PDB file of N, CA and C in Angstrom:
ATOM      1  N   UNK A   1      -9.733   0.458   6.311  1.00  0.00           N
ATOM      2  CA  UNK A   1      -9.417   1.683   6.785  1.00  0.00           C
ATOM      3  C   UNK A   1      -8.679   2.267   5.140  1.00  0.00           C
ATOM      4  N   UNK A   2      -9.353   3.357   4.577  1.00  0.00           N
ATOM      5  CA  UNK A   2      -9.107   3.956   3.435  1.00  0.00           C
ATOM      6  C   UNK A   2      -7.999   5.064   3.610  1.00  0.00           C
ATOM      7  N   UNK A   3      -6.933   5.508   2.859  1.00  0.00           N
ATOM      8  CA  UNK A   3      -6.148   6.411   3.229  1.00  0.00           C
ATOM      9  C   UNK A   3      -5.711   7.297   1.878  1.00  0.00           C
ATOM     10  N   UNK A   4      -6.078   8.492   1.777  1.00  0.00           N
ATOM     11  CA  UNK A   4      -5.710   9.115   0.720  1.00  0.00           C
ATOM     12  C   UNK A   4      -4.223   9.830   0.988  1.00  0.00           C
ATOM     13  N   UNK A   5      -3.530   9.774  -0.240  1.00  0.00           N
ATOM     14  CA  UNK A   5      -1.994  10.126  -0.060  1.00  0.00           C
ATOM     15  C   UNK A   5      -1.668  11.234  -1.198  1.00  0.00           C
ATOM     16  N   UNK A   6      -0.773  12.378  -0.492  1.00  0.00           N
ATOM     17  CA  UNK A   6      -0.237  13.142  -1.249  1.00  0.00           C
ATOM     18  C   UNK A   6       0.981  13.177  -1.802  1.00  0.00           C
ATOM     19  N   UNK A   7       1.041  11.805  -2.895  1.00  0.00           N
ATOM     20  CA  UNK A   7       1.803  11.321  -3.250  1.00  0.00           C
ATOM     21  C   UNK A   7       2.223  11.681  -5.070  1.00  0.00           C
ATOM     22  N   UNK A   8       3.257  11.484  -5.621  1.00  0.00           N
ATOM     23  CA  UNK A   8       3.375  11.304  -7.040  1.00  0.00           C
ATOM     24  C   UNK A   8       2.813  10.149  -7.632  1.00  0.00           C
ATOM     25  N   UNK A   9       3.102   8.882  -6.775  1.00  0.00           N
ATOM     26  CA  UNK A   9       2.673   7.788  -7.350  1.00  0.00           C
ATOM     27  C   UNK A   9       1.787   7.130  -6.933  1.00  0.00           C
ATOM     28  N   UNK A  10       1.454   7.069  -5.399  1.00  0.00           N
ATOM     29  CA  UNK A  10       0.336   6.375  -4.950  1.00  0.00           C
ATOM     30  C   UNK A  10      -1.149   7.327  -4.701  1.00  0.00           C
ATOM     31  N   UNK A  11      -2.023   6.799  -5.153  1.00  0.00           N
ATOM     32  CA  UNK A  11      -3.154   7.709  -4.958  1.00  0.00           C
ATOM     33  C   UNK A  11      -3.960   7.444  -3.399  1.00  0.00           C
ATOM     34  N   UNK A  12      -4.173   6.187  -3.031  1.00  0.00           N
ATOM     35  CA  UNK A  12      -4.814   5.897  -2.148  1.00  0.00           C
ATOM     36  C   UNK A  12      -4.325   4.380  -1.590  1.00  0.00           C
ATOM     37  N   UNK A  13      -4.554   3.679  -0.091  1.00  0.00           N
ATOM     38  CA  UNK A  13      -4.673   2.651  -0.097  1.00  0.00           C
ATOM     39  C   UNK A  13      -5.576   2.229   0.937  1.00  0.00           C
ATOM     40  N   UNK A  14      -5.773   0.977   0.635  1.00  0.00           N
ATOM     41  CA  UNK A  14      -7.114   0.531   1.689  1.00  0.00           C
ATOM     42  C   UNK A  14      -6.478  -0.584   2.141  1.00  0.00           C
ATOM     43  N   UNK A  15      -6.995  -0.742   3.623  1.00  0.00           N
ATOM     44  CA  UNK A  15      -6.285  -1.726   4.523  1.00  0.00           C
ATOM     45  C   UNK A  15      -7.273  -2.282   5.207  1.00  0.00           C
ATOM     46  N   UNK A  16      -7.374  -3.836   5.169  1.00  0.00           N
ATOM     47  CA  UNK A  16      -8.176  -4.419   5.943  1.00  0.00           C
ATOM     48  C   UNK A  16      -7.206  -5.235   6.999  1.00  0.00           C
ATOM     49  N   UNK A  17      -7.803  -4.818   8.258  1.00  0.00           N
ATOM     50  CA  UNK A  17      -6.703  -5.501   9.552  1.00  0.00           C
ATOM     51  C   UNK A  17      -7.425  -6.942   9.554  1.00  0.00           C
ATOM     52  N   UNK A  18      -8.524  -7.224   9.537  1.00  0.00           N
ATOM     53  CA  UNK A  18      -8.777  -8.806   9.749  1.00  0.00           C
ATOM     54  C   UNK A  18      -8.202  -9.643   9.051  1.00  0.00           C
ATOM     55  N   UNK A  19      -8.035  -9.293   7.812  1.00  0.00           N
ATOM     56  CA  UNK A  19      -7.377 -10.341   6.837  1.00  0.00           C
ATOM     57  C   UNK A  19      -5.661  -9.414   6.429  1.00  0.00           C
ATOM     58  N   UNK A  20      -5.490  -8.444   6.916  1.00  0.00           N
ATOM     59  CA  UNK A  20      -4.098  -8.210   6.677  1.00  0.00           C
ATOM     60  C   UNK A  20      -3.649  -8.201   4.928  1.00  0.00           C
ATOM     61  N   UNK A  21      -5.180  -7.520   4.266  1.00  0.00           N
ATOM     62  CA  UNK A  21      -4.851  -7.360   3.313  1.00  0.00           C
ATOM     63  C   UNK A  21      -4.691  -5.582   3.009  1.00  0.00           C
ATOM     64  N   UNK A  22      -3.754  -4.922   2.072  1.00  0.00           N
ATOM     65  CA  UNK A  22      -3.491  -3.838   1.527  1.00  0.00           C
ATOM     66  C   UNK A  22      -3.613  -3.841   0.268  1.00  0.00           C
ATOM     67  N   UNK A  23      -4.373  -2.850  -0.178  1.00  0.00           N
ATOM     68  CA  UNK A  23      -4.678  -2.311  -1.927  1.00  0.00           C
ATOM     69  C   UNK A  23      -4.157  -1.256  -1.740  1.00  0.00           C
ATOM     70  N   UNK A  24      -3.088  -1.146  -2.794  1.00  0.00           N
ATOM     71  CA  UNK A  24      -2.358   0.138  -3.070  1.00  0.00           C
ATOM     72  C   UNK A  24      -2.879   0.597  -4.448  1.00  0.00           C
ATOM     73  N   UNK A  25      -3.657   2.119  -4.462  1.00  0.00           N
ATOM     74  CA  UNK A  25      -4.113   2.880  -6.008  1.00  0.00           C
ATOM     75  C   UNK A  25      -3.073   3.746  -6.501  1.00  0.00           C
ATOM     76  N   UNK A  26      -2.868   3.229  -7.312  1.00  0.00           N
ATOM     77  CA  UNK A  26      -2.161   4.313  -8.209  1.00  0.00           C
ATOM     78  C   UNK A  26      -2.413   5.384  -9.014  1.00  0.00           C
ATOM     79  N   UNK A  27      -2.038   6.293  -9.237  1.00  0.00           N
ATOM     80  CA  UNK A  27      -2.243   7.611  -9.838  1.00  0.00           C
ATOM     81  C   UNK A  27      -2.370   6.926 -11.623  1.00  0.00           C
ATOM     82  N   UNK A  28      -1.231   5.790 -11.609  1.00  0.00           N
ATOM     83  CA  UNK A  28      -1.391   5.078 -13.130  1.00  0.00           C
ATOM     84  C   UNK A  28      -2.848   4.465 -13.394  1.00  0.00           C
ATOM     85  N   UNK A  29      -3.581   4.184 -12.438  1.00  0.00           N
ATOM     86  CA  UNK A  29      -4.813   3.352 -12.377  1.00  0.00           C
ATOM     87  C   UNK A  29      -4.311   1.890 -12.049  1.00  0.00           C
ATOM     88  N   UNK A  30      -3.043   1.789 -11.771  1.00  0.00           N
ATOM     89  CA  UNK A  30      -2.504   0.165 -11.373  1.00  0.00           C
ATOM     90  C   UNK A  30      -3.464  -0.149  -9.907  1.00  0.00           C
ATOM     91  N   UNK A  31      -3.953  -1.321  -9.904  1.00  0.00           N
ATOM     92  CA  UNK A  31      -3.965  -1.419  -8.453  1.00  0.00           C
ATOM     93  C   UNK A  31      -3.573  -2.615  -7.831  1.00  0.00           C
ATOM     94  N   UNK A  32      -2.891  -2.656  -6.830  1.00  0.00           N
ATOM     95  CA  UNK A  32      -2.217  -3.817  -6.485  1.00  0.00           C
ATOM     96  C   UNK A  32      -2.883  -4.404  -4.911  1.00  0.00           C
ATOM     97  N   UNK A  33      -2.992  -5.697  -4.967  1.00  0.00           N
ATOM     98  CA  UNK A  33      -3.287  -6.364  -3.718  1.00  0.00           C
ATOM     99  C   UNK A  33      -2.097  -6.923  -3.171  1.00  0.00           C
ATOM    100  N   UNK A  34      -1.762  -7.090  -1.666  1.00  0.00           N
ATOM    101  CA  UNK A  34      -1.030  -7.458  -0.997  1.00  0.00           C
ATOM    102  C   UNK A  34      -1.497  -8.077  -0.017  1.00  0.00           C
ATOM    103  N   UNK A  35      -0.995  -9.653   0.524  1.00  0.00           N
ATOM    104  CA  UNK A  35      -1.187 -10.207   1.460  1.00  0.00           C
ATOM    105  C   UNK A  35      -0.467 -10.278   2.901  1.00  0.00           C
ATOM    106  N   UNK A  36      -0.970 -10.407   3.951  1.00  0.00           N
ATOM    107  CA  UNK A  36       0.277 -10.777   4.951  1.00  0.00           C
ATOM    108  C   UNK A  36       0.889  -9.476   5.588  1.00  0.00           C
ATOM    109  N   UNK A  37       0.098  -8.065   5.183  1.00  0.00           N
ATOM    110  CA  UNK A  37       0.722  -6.577   5.740  1.00  0.00           C
ATOM    111  C   UNK A  37       0.026  -6.732   7.033  1.00  0.00           C
ATOM    112  N   UNK A  38       1.055  -6.497   7.882  1.00  0.00           N
ATOM    113  CA  UNK A  38       0.418  -6.107   9.222  1.00  0.00           C
ATOM    114  C   UNK A  38       0.229  -4.823   9.608  1.00  0.00           C
ATOM    115  N   UNK A  39      -0.354  -4.468  10.478  1.00  0.00           N
ATOM    116  CA  UNK A  39      -1.028  -3.122  11.196  1.00  0.00           C
ATOM    117  C   UNK A  39       0.037  -2.087  11.202  1.00  0.00           C
ATOM    118  N   UNK A  40       1.435  -2.598  11.910  1.00  0.00           N
ATOM    119  CA  UNK A  40       2.352  -1.643  11.586  1.00  0.00           C
ATOM    120  C   UNK A  40       2.774  -1.679  10.263  1.00  0.00           C
ATOM    121  N   UNK A  41       3.276  -2.417   9.401  1.00  0.00           N
ATOM    122  CA  UNK A  41       3.680  -2.178   8.251  1.00  0.00           C
ATOM    123  C   UNK A  41       2.644  -0.901   7.731  1.00  0.00           C
ATOM    124  N   UNK A  42       1.528  -1.177   7.850  1.00  0.00           N
ATOM    125  CA  UNK A  42       0.680  -0.457   7.269  1.00  0.00           C
ATOM    126  C   UNK A  42       0.371   1.275   8.018  1.00  0.00           C
ATOM    127  N   UNK A  43       0.806   1.401   8.737  1.00  0.00           N
ATOM    128  CA  UNK A  43       0.967   2.570   9.861  1.00  0.00           C
ATOM    129  C   UNK A  43       2.249   3.113   9.835  1.00  0.00           C
ATOM    130  N   UNK A  44       3.071   2.471   9.276  1.00  0.00           N
ATOM    131  CA  UNK A  44       4.621   2.790   8.638  1.00  0.00           C
ATOM    132  C   UNK A  44       4.478   3.710   7.482  1.00  0.00           C
ATOM    133  N   UNK A  45       3.699   2.736   6.577  1.00  0.00           N
ATOM    134  CA  UNK A  45       3.314   3.603   5.092  1.00  0.00           C
ATOM    135  C   UNK A  45       2.503   4.710   5.381  1.00  0.00           C
ATOM    136  N   UNK A  46       1.636   4.624   6.302  1.00  0.00           N
ATOM    137  CA  UNK A  46       0.769   6.163   6.218  1.00  0.00           C
ATOM    138  C   UNK A  46       1.476   7.021   6.837  1.00  0.00           C
ATOM    139  N   UNK A  47       2.622   6.868   7.505  1.00  0.00           N
ATOM    140  CA  UNK A  47       3.116   7.886   8.384  1.00  0.00           C
ATOM    141  C   UNK A  47       4.417   8.326   7.744  1.00  0.00           C
ATOM    142  N   UNK A  48       5.096   7.588   6.853  1.00  0.00           N
ATOM    143  CA  UNK A  48       6.381   7.426   5.921  1.00  0.00           C
ATOM    144  C   UNK A  48       6.234   9.084   5.219  1.00  0.00           C
ATOM    145  N   UNK A  49       7.629   9.577   5.553  1.00  0.00           N
ATOM    146  CA  UNK A  49       7.766  11.089   4.839  1.00  0.00           C
ATOM    147  C   UNK A  49       7.143  10.849   3.282  1.00  0.00           C
ATOM    148  N   UNK A  50       7.690   9.871   2.600  1.00  0.00           N
ATOM    149  CA  UNK A  50       7.126   9.146   1.386  1.00  0.00           C
ATOM    150  C   UNK A  50       7.125   8.008   1.304  1.00  0.00           C
ATOM    151  N   UNK A  51       5.643   8.111   1.282  1.00  0.00           N
ATOM    152  CA  UNK A  51       4.738   6.684   0.596  1.00  0.00           C
ATOM    153  C   UNK A  51       5.519   6.092  -0.330  1.00  0.00           C
ATOM    154  N   UNK A  52       6.031   6.526  -1.466  1.00  0.00           N
ATOM    155  CA  UNK A  52       6.261   5.793  -2.755  1.00  0.00           C
ATOM    156  C   UNK A  52       7.556   5.182  -2.299  1.00  0.00           C
ATOM    157  N   UNK A  53       8.517   5.826  -1.999  1.00  0.00           N
ATOM    158  CA  UNK A  53       9.997   5.531  -1.371  1.00  0.00           C
ATOM    159  C   UNK A  53       9.547   4.012  -0.079  1.00  0.00           C
ATOM    160  N   UNK A  54       8.825   4.442   0.796  1.00  0.00           N
ATOM    161  CA  UNK A  54       8.386   2.842   1.501  1.00  0.00           C
ATOM    162  C   UNK A  54       7.627   2.182   1.018  1.00  0.00           C
ATOM    163  N   UNK A  55       6.947   2.468   0.203  1.00  0.00           N
ATOM    164  CA  UNK A  55       6.554   1.323  -0.475  1.00  0.00           C
ATOM    165  C   UNK A  55       7.409   0.278  -1.499  1.00  0.00           C
ATOM    166  N   UNK A  56       8.225   1.012  -2.325  1.00  0.00           N
ATOM    167  CA  UNK A  56       9.187   0.503  -3.174  1.00  0.00           C
ATOM    168  C   UNK A  56      10.386  -0.361  -1.900  1.00  0.00           C
ATOM    169  N   UNK A  57      10.445   0.299  -0.812  1.00  0.00           N
ATOM    170  CA  UNK A  57      11.577  -0.250  -0.094  1.00  0.00           C
ATOM    171  C   UNK A  57      11.389  -1.508   0.924  1.00  0.00           C
ATOM    172  N   UNK A  58       9.893  -1.490   1.114  1.00  0.00           N
ATOM    173  CA  UNK A  58       9.519  -2.318   2.568  1.00  0.00           C
ATOM    174  C   UNK A  58       8.183  -2.925   1.782  1.00  0.00           C
ATOM    175  N   UNK A  59       7.603  -2.992   0.902  1.00  0.00           N
ATOM    176  CA  UNK A  59       6.358  -3.490   0.110  1.00  0.00           C
ATOM    177  C   UNK A  59       6.666  -4.484  -1.120  1.00  0.00           C
ATOM    178  N   UNK A  60       6.664  -3.172  -1.770  1.00  0.00           N
ATOM    179  CA  UNK A  60       7.006  -4.152  -3.246  1.00  0.00           C
ATOM    180  C   UNK A  60       7.816  -5.393  -3.302  1.00  0.00           C
ATOM    181  N   UNK A  61       7.657  -5.998  -3.713  1.00  0.00           N
ATOM    182  CA  UNK A  61       8.471  -7.123  -4.172  1.00  0.00           C
ATOM    183  C   UNK A  61       8.590  -8.378  -2.439  1.00  0.00           C
ATOM    184  N   UNK A  62       8.282  -7.748  -1.394  1.00  0.00           N
ATOM    185  CA  UNK A  62       8.341  -8.325  -0.186  1.00  0.00           C
ATOM    186  C   UNK A  62       7.269  -8.976   0.424  1.00  0.00           C
ATOM    187  N   UNK A  63       6.274  -8.910  -0.264  1.00  0.00           N
ATOM    188  CA  UNK A  63       4.798  -9.369   0.471  1.00  0.00           C
ATOM    189  C   UNK A  63       4.191 -10.283  -1.093  1.00  0.00           C
ATOM    190  N   UNK A  64       3.330 -10.799  -1.018  1.00  0.00           N
ATOM    191  CA  UNK A  64       2.604 -12.152  -2.038  1.00  0.00           C
ATOM    192  C   UNK A  64       1.555 -10.662  -2.691  1.00  0.00           C
ATOM    193  N   UNK A  65       1.521 -10.484  -3.768  1.00  0.00           N
ATOM    194  CA  UNK A  65       0.665  -9.572  -4.453  1.00  0.00           C
ATOM    195  C   UNK A  65       0.014  -9.819  -5.873  1.00  0.00           C
ATOM    196  N   UNK A  66      -1.149  -9.380  -5.935  1.00  0.00           N
ATOM    197  CA  UNK A  66      -1.554  -9.415  -7.551  1.00  0.00           C
ATOM    198  C   UNK A  66      -1.926  -8.426  -7.957  1.00  0.00           C
ATOM    199  N   UNK A  67      -1.891  -7.856  -9.084  1.00  0.00           N
ATOM    200  CA  UNK A  67      -2.571  -6.581  -9.678  1.00  0.00           C
ATOM    201  C   UNK A  67      -3.498  -7.060 -10.419  1.00  0.00           C
ATOM    202  N   UNK A  68      -4.183  -6.156  -9.829  1.00  0.00           N
ATOM    203  CA  UNK A  68      -5.973  -6.069 -10.339  1.00  0.00           C
ATOM    204  C   UNK A  68      -6.112  -5.423 -11.990  1.00  0.00           C
ATOM    205  N   UNK A  69      -5.190  -4.228 -11.768  1.00  0.00           N
ATOM    206  CA  UNK A  69      -5.638  -3.440 -13.018  1.00  0.00           C
ATOM    207  C   UNK A  69      -3.914  -3.078 -13.720  1.00  0.00           C
TER     208      UNK A  69
END
């Protein structure tokens, strides 16, 4: 499931529910891949008033990640 954001930092996210993998694409060109993201966390991210704040407070540093670019 791909979602585009109206955010100053996050451009889009791609979520794979079967593997619980979340890819976050930033406007800077960086891409991070997170493992173990539940559907609830993804839904909270896409419905948050500020996706950037939600990401910083609830995903960044909380889950195993890999920086692609």
